[in-house]
C-alpha atoms as a PDB file:
ATOM      1  CA  MET A   1      -0.013  -0.025   0.032  1.00  0.00           C
ATOM      2  CA  LEU A   2       1.185   3.483  -0.826  1.00  0.00           C
ATOM      3  CA  GLY A   3       0.167   6.717   0.745  1.00  0.00           C
ATOM      4  CA  LYS A   4      -1.443   7.333   4.060  1.00  0.00           C
ATOM      5  CA  PRO A   5      -1.834   5.442   6.434  1.00  0.00           C
ATOM      6  CA  SER A   6       0.931   3.094   4.965  1.00  0.00           C
ATOM      7  CA  PRO A   7       3.940   2.706   7.294  1.00  0.00           C
ATOM      8  CA  ALA A   8       6.173   3.297   4.227  1.00  0.00           C
ATOM      9  CA  TYR A   9       4.615   6.678   3.770  1.00  0.00           C
ATOM     10  CA  PHE A  10       5.337   7.783   7.307  1.00  0.00           C
ATOM     11  CA  ARG A  11       8.690   6.281   7.297  1.00  0.00           C
ATOM     12  CA  ALA A  12       9.574   8.240   4.077  1.00  0.00           C
ATOM     13  CA  ALA A  13       8.433  11.391   5.741  1.00  0.00           C
ATOM     14  CA  LEU A  14      10.434  10.788   8.831  1.00  0.00           C
ATOM     15  CA  ASP A  15      13.467   9.916   6.782  1.00  0.00           C
ATOM     16  CA  ALA A  16      13.037  13.104   4.666  1.00  0.00           C
ATOM     17  CA  LEU A  17      12.874  15.125   7.904  1.00  0.00           C
ATOM     18  CA  ASP A  18      15.682  13.170   9.471  1.00  0.00           C
ATOM     19  CA  SER A  19      13.476  12.907  12.570  1.00  0.00           C
ATOM     20  CA  ASP A  20      12.642  10.282  15.256  1.00  0.00           C
ATOM     21  CA  PRO A  21       9.003   9.359  15.382  1.00  0.00           C
ATOM     22  CA  GLU A  22       8.682  10.268  19.083  1.00  0.00           C
ATOM     23  CA  LEU A  23       9.927  13.758  18.425  1.00  0.00           C
ATOM     24  CA  THR A  24       7.620  14.317  15.379  1.00  0.00           C
ATOM     25  CA  TRP A  25       4.049  15.580  15.303  1.00  0.00           C
ATOM     26  CA  MET A  26       1.570  14.764  12.604  1.00  0.00           C
ATOM     27  CA  VAL A  27      -1.048  17.367  12.134  1.00  0.00           C
ATOM     28  CA  GLY A  28      -3.926  16.441   9.910  1.00  0.00           C
ATOM     29  CA  ASP A  29      -7.714  16.472   9.250  1.00  0.00           C
ATOM     30  CA  ASP A  30      -8.257  12.698   8.649  1.00  0.00           C
ATOM     31  CA  ILE A  31      -8.403  10.493  11.651  1.00  0.00           C
ATOM     32  CA  GLU A  32      -7.912   7.263   9.674  1.00  0.00           C
ATOM     33  CA  GLY A  33      -5.278   8.404   7.239  1.00  0.00           C
ATOM     34  CA  ASP A  34      -3.335  10.906   9.229  1.00  0.00           C
ATOM     35  CA  VAL A  35      -3.780   9.979  12.996  1.00  0.00           C
ATOM     36  CA  VAL A  36      -3.886   6.167  12.713  1.00  0.00           C
ATOM     37  CA  GLY A  37      -0.893   5.994  10.401  1.00  0.00           C
ATOM     38  CA  ALA A  38       1.182   8.396  12.474  1.00  0.00           C
ATOM     39  CA  GLN A  39       0.364   6.783  15.775  1.00  0.00           C
ATOM     40  CA  ALA A  40       1.380   3.368  14.303  1.00  0.00           C
ATOM     41  CA  MET A  41       4.784   4.825  13.669  1.00  0.00           C
ATOM     42  CA  GLY A  42       5.039   6.251  17.199  1.00  0.00           C
ATOM     43  CA  MET A  43       4.353   9.819  16.229  1.00  0.00           C
ATOM     44  CA  ARG A  44       2.261  12.250  18.241  1.00  0.00           C
ATOM     45  CA  THR A  45      -0.839  13.607  16.581  1.00  0.00           C
ATOM     46  CA  VAL A  46      -3.075  16.549  16.365  1.00  0.00           C
ATOM     47  CA  LEU A  47      -6.367  16.457  14.599  1.00  0.00           C
ATOM     48  CA  VAL A  48      -7.630  19.647  12.911  1.00  0.00           C
ATOM     49  CA  ARG A  49     -11.406  20.258  12.637  1.00  0.00           C
ATOM     50  CA  THR A  50     -11.182  21.395   8.971  1.00  0.00           C
ATOM     51  CA  GLY A  51     -11.055  19.770   5.598  1.00  0.00           C
ATOM     52  CA  LYS A  52     -12.010  16.019   5.819  1.00  0.00           C
ATOM     53  CA  PHE A  53     -12.819  16.136   9.508  1.00  0.00           C
ATOM     54  CA  ARG A  54     -16.259  14.963  10.470  1.00  0.00           C
ATOM     55  CA  PRO A  55     -17.413  15.334  14.165  1.00  0.00           C
ATOM     56  CA  ASP A  56     -19.140  11.986  14.130  1.00  0.00           C
ATOM     57  CA  GLU A  57     -15.856  10.172  13.268  1.00  0.00           C
ATOM     58  CA  LEU A  58     -14.634  10.747  16.896  1.00  0.00           C
ATOM     59  CA  GLU A  59     -17.779   9.037  18.143  1.00  0.00           C
ATOM     60  CA  HIS A  60     -17.224   5.948  16.084  1.00  0.00           C
ATOM     61  CA  THR A  61     -13.468   5.156  16.602  1.00  0.00           C
ATOM     62  CA  ARG A  62     -11.200   4.004  19.302  1.00  0.00           C
ATOM     63  CA  VAL A  63      -8.439   6.261  17.890  1.00  0.00           C
ATOM     64  CA  VAL A  64      -7.559   9.135  20.146  1.00  0.00           C
ATOM     65  CA  PRO A  65      -5.359  11.883  18.874  1.00  0.00           C
ATOM     66  CA  ASP A  66      -3.022  13.587  21.287  1.00  0.00           C
ATOM     67  CA  GLY A  67      -4.886  16.899  20.632  1.00  0.00           C
ATOM     68  CA  ILE A  68      -7.678  18.430  18.592  1.00  0.00           C
ATOM     69  CA  VAL A  69      -7.731  21.980  17.409  1.00  0.00           C
ATOM     70  CA  SER A  70     -10.389  23.878  15.469  1.00  0.00           C
ATOM     71  CA  SER A  71      -7.957  25.509  13.049  1.00  0.00           C
ATOM     72  CA  ILE A  72      -4.337  25.143  12.108  1.00  0.00           C
ATOM     73  CA  ALA A  73      -4.082  28.737  13.301  1.00  0.00           C
ATOM     74  CA  HIS A  74      -4.611  27.426  16.816  1.00  0.00           C
ATOM     75  CA  LEU A  75      -1.846  24.856  16.603  1.00  0.00           C
ATOM     76  CA  PRO A  76       1.059  27.012  17.899  1.00  0.00           C
ATOM     77  CA  ASP A  77      -0.852  28.025  21.141  1.00  0.00           C
ATOM     78  CA  TRP A  78      -1.977  24.422  21.606  1.00  0.00           C
ATOM     79  CA  LEU A  79       1.595  23.073  21.209  1.00  0.00           C
ATOM     80  CA  GLU A  80       2.903  25.658  23.677  1.00  0.00           C
ATOM     81  CA  ALA A  81       0.240  24.689  26.253  1.00  0.00           C
ATOM     82  CA  ASN A  82       0.792  20.921  25.617  1.00  0.00           C
ATOM     83  CA  PRO A  83       4.536  20.299  25.300  1.00  0.00           C
END
C-alpha cells in the first residue's frame, strides 16, 4: 500500500525530515489516514477540525489523537500549552 496510512509513507516522511517518530508531530484532518498512520509509527498527533474532519468520526472510533484544534491557526498556542 502506498500513501497514508501506509507505514512506508510515514517512514519516508520521517526519513526526509531526518527525525525520530517520538519527536515528530503529525497534524492532519483525517483520523484514519493521518492519525492512525502516524500513531502506528510512534508519532504524536493533532487532529484539525477542518477539511476532511467530520465530528461523528470521533464517536465511532477508538483512535484518540493527542490533541484536537479547531484550526491550524490554533496549533502554535496548543503546542505551547501541551509540550
